[in-house]
Every structure is written in structure tokens, then in C-alpha cells.
Amino acid sequence: MKFLAKLAFAAAALAAGSVSAQTYPAKPVTMIVPFAAGGPTDVIARIVGEHMSRTLGQQIVIENVAGAGGTTGTTRAAQAANDGYTIMMGHMGTHGAAPALYPNLRYDPTKDFEPIGLAAGTPILIVAKKAFPANDLKSFTDHVKANADKLNLAHAGVGSVSHSTGILLGSMIGAKPTMVPYTGTGPALNDLVSGQVDFMTDQIVNVAEQIRAGTIRAYAIATPTRSPALPDVPTTTEAGLPQYQVSAWNAMFAPKGTSADAVAKLNDALRKALADEATRKRLLDLGAVLPSADEQTPAWLGAFVAKEVERWNPVLKAAR
């Protein structure tokens, strides 16, 4: 009888485990955003998360864990339980630039996560104060190279998108202006508008409104084609700096070891969000660039992260 009871208990436990696997997710899923609420990564996470919640049948709860250029929240995500109930929205900085900027980084973007899928790209623009003495990108780069010791470049802190993309621009045009750090894009942009700093490179989501209002100058957008959100701004290719192609991509990751079933269901929910017309419109209205079907797979994202780490490592290490 004891043997039969143990056998029945084991069968029940196996059945319960099977049901649990089939019904993932059985409770809300926390998505860590390693930046403050209201920023581009946070906004994109909330837009796609809202639609994903409907597909999954469980709420995706956004948790903002800001600090150290996004690496605080990313470290927390890497160390979270790999049960599928903690995921994160990373981006170019946390999963591309961070290894070069933080020698004691407590995670490896290529080894400590299960890629889920690319969510959206936010193109970078080269912008300057309204009184900057240049009418196009060529005269802008000429002026920066000739006066680098007198000019300053604003950014939102070491490891931020504006910091990394600013360094990349400087390396490509052969100039090292003074880097001026701020506590975020908002304060940096305010000083750019008031003319206290000279120029910066940042995401379209942050600067589009000021460009439309004419309070700052936009010289180029670092994408192959013009953005519908800013159709009058030329691409870097059109403007004469084709090698400067950069986007602050945002992508979803889970801790290493998260089950293939959970990753597949999360990826399916993300893909359905990106196929939804209302969700697409909200992202496109921000100026975001949406990934193709091939770029939405976990395998593509994993290979892309490895390429991004390789791309940023030499540029940012040389600037340290």
C-alpha cells in the first residue's frame, strides 16, 4: 500500500508539473527596465508590454531599476530566478557598450541572458544649439574638428546612449570635444536649448519635439533612410557621413537558463505586439524603427548582441 501511495503521489506531482509547464505564465511577469520611468526604453517597454499582457493572459508589470548607466537593473535581471517571471528590456548601452565602459561589470551580455526578441530601434540624431555656426553636417564636422578644444558635448552620464554615440561620432570625425555629463537627457537637453552646451547625439524620442519647435538644430539622422517623424532631416549618408549609422535598439531578455517554452511564449507575445497596427502606430509616432520578421527571433538577437559588444569595445576603450 505504501508503494502504491508513493506511486500515486509521484504521478500527481508529474501531472502537476506538466500542467504548470503548459499554463505558463500562471502569474504576472515582471519586466525590469534599467532606467527611470518616462525615458525611451521605459516608454517602449510599456507600449509592447501592454499588448503582450493580453496575449499572455497575465499582466506584465514594469519595474524601473535605474542607476550606473542601466547596469544596476541589468545586473539584477541577470541574477533573478530563471523561472520566466522576471525579464528585462535592455538596450544598446546595457548589452553593447557596457562591457567596455565598466571593467568590473557583474554580467556578460552574451552569456548571462536568454534573448527573447528585438522590440524597436530609436535612431540617433546629431543636434546642436540653435546658434551653432554650421548650416549642414559637413560644415558642422569641419567646425568641430577645427575647434574641438573649445567645444563641449553634452551627455546623460557615462554609459548612456548620448555618451556612447557621442564618443563614436568623435572617433569617426577625429575630434575630442569636452564631454559634459548630466544626470539625464532632460537636463542636458535643457542646457542645449539655452545654449549652455554646444552639441549632443541622442535618440529621436528625446529630441524630436525640440527639433520640430526649432529650439535646436538637427544636422542628420544616423539611419539608412529618413524618418517619417522628421522627414526634413537628412540621413548621415545623404549628409556626407555614411559610416555613422547607429540606433539605440531596445530588446527583451530573460535570465540565463529560462526555459525554452517560456522564451518561446514571450517571443510569440512580442511578435504579436509588433504586428498589431495600434501598437505599431504608437511606436512609429515616436520615431522608432521596427524590426523585420527575421530580426524578431531570439537567435538573431543573440548574434546581434555579440556583434554590438564587438563593435563598441574598441571605440569606447580607446576613449577611456
Protein backbone atom coordinates (compact mmCIF):
# COMPACT_ATOMS: atom_id res chain seq x y z
CA MET A 1 0.00 0.00 0.00
CA LYS A 2 2.83 2.40 0.83
CA PHE A 3 4.38 1.70 -2.57
CA LEU A 4 1.08 2.43 -4.31
CA ALA A 5 0.66 5.64 -2.33
CA LYS A 6 4.16 6.80 -3.30
CA LEU A 7 3.48 5.90 -6.92
CA ALA A 8 0.24 7.88 -6.88
CA PHE A 9 1.99 10.88 -5.30
CA ALA A 10 4.75 10.76 -7.91
CA ALA A 11 2.20 10.57 -10.73
CA ALA A 12 0.28 13.51 -9.27
CA ALA A 13 3.47 15.57 -8.94
CA LEU A 14 4.43 14.76 -12.53
CA ALA A 15 0.98 15.75 -13.76
CA ALA A 16 1.10 18.99 -11.77
CA GLY A 17 4.48 19.81 -13.27
CA SER A 18 3.15 19.11 -16.75
CA VAL A 19 0.13 21.34 -16.21
CA SER A 20 2.35 24.10 -14.81
CA ALA A 21 4.60 23.95 -17.88
CA GLN A 22 1.59 24.07 -20.19
CA THR A 23 -0.01 27.00 -18.44
CA TYR A 24 2.95 29.39 -18.30
CA PRO A 25 2.56 32.16 -17.35
CA ALA A 26 0.41 31.39 -14.32
CA LYS A 27 1.06 34.76 -12.64
CA PRO A 28 2.19 38.29 -13.59
CA VAL A 29 5.59 38.72 -15.23
CA THR A 30 7.94 41.45 -14.02
CA MET A 31 9.83 43.34 -16.73
CA ILE A 32 12.81 45.23 -15.35
CA VAL A 33 13.55 48.50 -17.15
CA PRO A 34 17.03 49.62 -16.05
CA PHE A 35 16.21 53.31 -16.47
CA ALA A 36 13.88 55.87 -14.95
CA ALA A 37 10.21 56.00 -15.90
CA GLY A 38 9.41 58.17 -18.89
CA GLY A 39 12.60 57.55 -20.87
CA PRO A 40 12.65 55.92 -24.33
CA THR A 41 13.33 52.38 -23.09
CA ASP A 42 10.60 52.68 -20.46
CA VAL A 43 8.07 54.02 -22.98
CA ILE A 44 8.80 51.23 -25.48
CA ALA A 45 8.62 48.59 -22.74
CA ARG A 46 5.21 49.85 -21.62
CA ILE A 47 3.81 50.01 -25.15
CA VAL A 48 4.81 46.46 -26.13
CA GLY A 49 4.19 45.14 -22.62
CA GLU A 50 0.60 46.31 -22.70
CA HIS A 51 -0.19 44.23 -25.79
CA MET A 52 1.91 41.28 -24.64
CA SER A 53 -0.14 41.12 -21.43
CA ARG A 54 -3.26 40.48 -23.48
CA THR A 55 -1.60 37.67 -25.44
CA LEU A 56 -0.11 36.02 -22.35
CA GLY A 57 -3.24 36.36 -20.25
CA GLN A 58 -1.12 37.76 -17.41
CA GLN A 59 -0.05 41.30 -16.62
CA ILE A 60 3.48 42.39 -17.46
CA VAL A 61 4.49 44.65 -14.58
CA ILE A 62 7.17 47.25 -15.31
CA GLU A 63 9.78 47.74 -12.58
CA ASN A 64 12.16 50.67 -13.06
CA VAL A 65 15.60 49.98 -11.56
CA ALA A 66 17.79 52.90 -12.62
CA GLY A 67 21.48 53.54 -11.94
CA ALA A 68 25.01 53.26 -13.36
CA GLY A 69 24.04 53.67 -17.00
CA GLY A 70 21.45 50.92 -16.77
CA THR A 71 23.87 48.33 -15.40
CA THR A 72 22.27 48.23 -11.91
CA GLY A 73 18.94 47.00 -13.20
CA THR A 74 20.57 44.74 -15.77
CA THR A 75 22.69 43.07 -13.08
CA ARG A 76 19.54 42.49 -11.06
CA ALA A 77 17.84 40.91 -14.07
CA ALA A 78 20.84 38.66 -14.77
CA GLN A 79 20.77 37.40 -11.18
CA ALA A 80 16.99 36.89 -11.00
CA ALA A 81 15.34 33.47 -10.85
CA ASN A 82 15.20 31.92 -14.31
CA ASP A 83 11.58 30.81 -13.96
CA GLY A 84 10.22 33.06 -16.70
CA TYR A 85 8.66 35.54 -14.31
CA THR A 86 11.45 38.12 -14.44
CA ILE A 87 12.55 39.52 -17.78
CA MET A 88 14.06 42.83 -18.83
CA MET A 89 14.15 45.42 -21.59
CA GLY A 90 17.79 46.05 -22.37
CA HIS A 91 19.30 48.29 -24.99
CA MET A 92 22.43 49.31 -26.85
CA GLY A 93 24.10 50.61 -23.70
CA THR A 94 23.37 47.75 -21.30
CA HIS A 95 24.05 44.97 -23.79
CA GLY A 96 26.52 46.56 -26.20
CA ALA A 97 28.56 49.39 -24.70
CA ALA A 98 28.62 48.46 -21.00
CA PRO A 99 31.44 45.85 -21.11
CA ALA A 100 33.87 48.46 -22.44
CA LEU A 101 32.77 51.18 -20.02
CA TYR A 102 32.55 49.14 -16.82
CA PRO A 103 35.61 46.89 -16.27
CA ASN A 104 34.00 45.33 -13.17
CA LEU A 105 30.65 44.65 -14.80
CA ARG A 106 28.86 41.84 -12.97
CA TYR A 107 27.21 40.34 -16.02
CA ASP A 108 28.15 39.28 -19.53
CA PRO A 109 25.57 40.38 -22.13
CA THR A 110 26.48 37.45 -24.37
CA LYS A 111 26.41 34.71 -21.71
CA ASP A 112 24.10 35.64 -18.84
CA PHE A 113 20.81 36.08 -20.71
CA GLU A 114 18.38 34.23 -22.93
CA PRO A 115 17.50 36.55 -25.83
CA ILE A 116 13.74 36.93 -26.36
CA GLY A 117 13.48 39.43 -29.20
CA LEU A 118 14.23 42.87 -30.60
CA ALA A 119 11.46 45.36 -29.79
CA ALA A 120 12.34 48.62 -31.53
CA GLY A 121 15.18 50.87 -32.55
CA THR A 122 15.36 54.56 -31.70
CA PRO A 123 17.57 56.35 -34.24
CA ILE A 124 20.31 58.75 -33.18
CA LEU A 125 20.41 62.35 -34.33
CA ILE A 126 23.31 64.79 -34.39
CA VAL A 127 21.96 68.02 -32.90
CA ALA A 128 23.41 71.34 -31.76
CA LYS A 129 22.38 74.57 -30.10
CA LYS A 130 20.42 76.93 -32.31
CA ALA A 131 23.34 79.37 -32.63
CA PHE A 132 25.87 76.71 -33.71
CA PRO A 133 27.83 78.16 -36.68
CA ALA A 134 27.16 75.46 -39.29
CA ASN A 135 24.42 75.02 -41.87
CA ASP A 136 24.93 71.35 -42.76
CA LEU A 137 26.69 68.26 -41.48
CA LYS A 138 29.91 68.85 -43.43
CA SER A 139 30.36 72.37 -42.05
CA PHE A 140 29.38 71.03 -38.62
CA THR A 141 32.09 68.36 -38.65
CA ASP A 142 34.64 70.80 -40.06
CA HIS A 143 33.89 73.26 -37.27
CA VAL A 144 34.05 70.59 -34.56
CA LYS A 145 37.41 69.28 -35.82
CA ALA A 146 38.87 72.78 -36.01
CA ASN A 147 37.57 73.89 -32.60
CA ALA A 148 37.33 70.70 -30.55
CA ASP A 149 39.28 72.19 -27.64
CA LYS A 150 36.72 74.99 -27.33
CA LEU A 151 33.54 72.94 -27.76
CA ASN A 152 31.61 70.72 -25.39
CA LEU A 153 29.37 67.73 -25.96
CA ALA A 154 26.52 67.13 -23.53
CA HIS A 155 25.51 63.62 -22.50
CA ALA A 156 23.27 61.90 -19.95
CA GLY A 157 26.07 60.21 -18.00
CA VAL A 158 28.76 57.60 -18.61
CA GLY A 159 27.22 54.58 -20.30
CA SER A 160 24.20 56.46 -21.59
CA VAL A 161 23.25 56.35 -25.25
CA SER A 162 24.17 60.01 -25.70
CA HIS A 163 27.58 59.34 -24.15
CA SER A 164 28.45 56.28 -26.25
CA THR A 165 27.14 57.68 -29.53
CA GLY A 166 28.91 60.98 -28.87
CA ILE A 167 32.21 59.16 -28.43
CA LEU A 168 31.56 57.20 -31.60
CA LEU A 169 30.92 60.39 -33.56
CA GLY A 170 34.11 61.98 -32.22
CA SER A 171 36.17 58.93 -33.16
CA MET A 172 34.81 58.97 -36.70
CA ILE A 173 35.45 62.64 -37.39
CA GLY A 174 38.73 62.76 -35.47
CA ALA A 175 37.73 65.19 -32.71
CA LYS A 176 37.69 65.09 -28.91
CA PRO A 177 35.47 67.86 -27.54
CA THR A 178 34.99 68.25 -23.79
CA MET A 179 32.41 65.73 -22.57
CA VAL A 180 29.91 67.31 -20.17
CA PRO A 181 27.92 64.76 -18.10
CA TYR A 182 24.40 65.37 -16.81
CA THR A 183 22.09 63.31 -14.62
CA GLY A 184 19.85 62.56 -17.59
CA THR A 185 18.85 63.58 -21.08
CA GLY A 186 16.36 66.17 -19.79
CA PRO A 187 18.91 68.44 -18.06
CA ALA A 188 21.39 68.02 -20.95
CA LEU A 189 18.76 68.97 -23.50
CA ASN A 190 17.66 71.96 -21.43
CA ASP A 191 21.19 73.33 -21.49
CA LEU A 192 21.46 72.65 -25.21
CA VAL A 193 18.28 74.64 -25.82
CA SER A 194 19.57 77.51 -23.68
CA GLY A 195 22.94 77.44 -25.48
CA GLN A 196 24.99 76.47 -22.41
CA VAL A 197 26.44 73.46 -24.28
CA ASP A 198 27.31 73.12 -27.95
CA PHE A 199 26.04 69.83 -29.28
CA MET A 200 24.99 66.27 -28.50
CA THR A 201 23.93 62.99 -30.08
CA ASP A 202 20.75 61.40 -28.80
CA GLN A 203 17.67 59.34 -29.53
CA ILE A 204 14.89 60.67 -31.72
CA VAL A 205 12.38 60.12 -28.92
CA ASN A 206 14.20 62.67 -26.76
CA VAL A 207 14.94 65.39 -29.30
CA ALA A 208 12.20 65.29 -31.96
CA GLU A 209 9.93 67.79 -30.20
CA GLN A 210 12.70 70.37 -29.82
CA ILE A 211 13.76 69.90 -33.44
CA ARG A 212 10.19 70.48 -34.65
CA ALA A 213 9.94 73.54 -32.43
CA GLY A 214 13.16 74.96 -33.88
CA THR A 215 14.86 75.37 -30.49
CA ILE A 216 17.82 73.21 -31.56
CA ARG A 217 19.44 72.36 -34.91
CA ALA A 218 19.40 68.85 -36.38
CA TYR A 219 22.18 68.02 -38.83
CA ALA A 220 21.48 64.38 -39.60
CA ILE A 221 19.80 61.17 -38.51
CA ALA A 222 22.01 58.07 -38.32
CA THR A 223 19.78 55.72 -40.33
CA PRO A 224 19.80 54.46 -43.93
CA THR A 225 16.50 56.24 -44.70
CA ARG A 226 14.83 59.38 -43.41
CA SER A 227 12.43 59.13 -40.51
CA PRO A 228 8.73 59.80 -41.16
CA ALA A 229 8.72 61.56 -37.79
CA LEU A 230 11.33 64.08 -39.04
CA PRO A 231 11.14 63.96 -42.84
CA ASP A 232 13.15 67.15 -43.36
CA VAL A 233 16.24 65.87 -41.52
CA PRO A 234 18.75 64.24 -43.92
CA THR A 235 20.38 60.91 -43.20
CA THR A 236 24.07 60.75 -42.37
CA THR A 237 24.58 59.07 -45.75
CA GLU A 238 22.91 61.96 -47.57
CA ALA A 239 24.80 64.48 -45.46
CA GLY A 240 28.25 63.00 -46.08
CA LEU A 241 29.00 60.79 -43.04
CA PRO A 242 27.66 57.37 -44.14
CA GLN A 243 29.81 55.42 -41.66
CA TYR A 244 27.90 56.94 -38.73
CA GLN A 245 24.97 54.52 -38.55
CA VAL A 246 23.69 53.92 -35.04
CA SER A 247 20.43 53.19 -33.28
CA ALA A 248 19.67 52.82 -29.58
CA TRP A 249 17.93 49.48 -30.08
CA ASN A 250 15.74 48.06 -27.33
CA ALA A 251 15.36 44.31 -26.82
CA MET A 252 13.88 41.83 -24.38
CA PHE A 253 15.96 39.33 -22.40
CA ALA A 254 15.43 36.69 -19.70
CA PRO A 255 17.98 35.33 -17.19
CA LYS A 256 20.20 32.52 -18.48
CA GLY A 257 18.53 29.14 -18.09
CA THR A 258 14.96 30.36 -18.55
CA SER A 259 13.07 27.52 -20.22
CA ALA A 260 12.74 27.37 -23.98
CA ASP A 261 8.96 27.17 -23.51
CA ALA A 262 8.83 30.44 -21.60
CA VAL A 263 11.14 32.18 -24.08
CA ALA A 264 9.03 30.94 -27.00
CA LYS A 265 5.79 32.20 -25.43
CA LEU A 266 7.32 35.57 -24.61
CA ASN A 267 8.74 35.88 -28.12
CA ASP A 268 5.36 34.98 -29.61
CA ALA A 269 3.68 37.66 -27.49
CA LEU A 270 6.30 40.24 -28.53
CA ARG A 271 5.89 39.38 -32.21
CA LYS A 272 2.12 39.73 -31.95
CA ALA A 273 2.54 43.11 -30.29
CA LEU A 274 4.79 44.28 -33.13
CA ALA A 275 2.24 43.03 -35.69
CA ASP A 276 -0.63 44.93 -34.06
CA GLU A 277 -1.48 48.08 -36.02
CA ALA A 278 -2.31 50.20 -32.98
CA THR A 279 0.91 49.21 -31.21
CA ARG A 280 2.96 49.78 -34.36
CA LYS A 281 1.45 53.24 -34.79
CA ARG A 282 2.31 54.23 -31.23
CA LEU A 283 5.93 53.16 -31.73
CA LEU A 284 6.25 54.72 -35.19
CA ASP A 285 4.80 58.00 -33.92
CA LEU A 286 7.73 58.14 -31.50
CA GLY A 287 10.11 57.82 -34.45
CA ALA A 288 11.02 54.23 -33.61
CA VAL A 289 12.22 51.79 -36.27
CA LEU A 290 10.52 48.40 -36.04
CA PRO A 291 12.41 45.13 -36.64
CA SER A 292 11.71 42.87 -39.60
CA ALA A 293 10.31 39.39 -39.03
CA ASP A 294 13.81 37.88 -39.26
CA GLU A 295 15.11 40.37 -36.68
CA GLN A 296 12.43 39.39 -34.17
CA THR A 297 13.83 35.92 -33.41
CA PRO A 298 15.83 35.03 -30.27
CA ALA A 299 18.65 33.61 -32.43
CA TRP A 300 19.01 36.84 -34.41
CA LEU A 301 19.12 38.90 -31.21
CA GLY A 302 21.77 36.68 -29.64
CA ALA A 303 24.06 37.07 -32.66
CA PHE A 304 23.35 40.80 -32.82
CA VAL A 305 24.33 41.39 -29.17
CA ALA A 306 27.68 39.65 -29.77
CA LYS A 307 28.31 41.93 -32.77
CA GLU A 308 27.36 45.04 -30.78
CA VAL A 309 29.77 44.21 -27.95
CA GLU A 310 32.49 43.69 -30.56
CA ARG A 311 31.60 46.96 -32.27
CA TRP A 312 31.61 49.17 -29.18
CA ASN A 313 34.54 47.64 -27.31
CA PRO A 314 37.47 49.21 -29.19
CA VAL A 315 35.83 52.61 -29.64
CA LEU A 316 34.88 53.10 -26.01
CA LYS A 317 38.05 51.58 -24.53
CA ALA A 318 40.15 53.96 -26.61
CA ALA A 319 38.21 56.88 -25.17
CA ARG A 320 38.68 55.88 -21.51
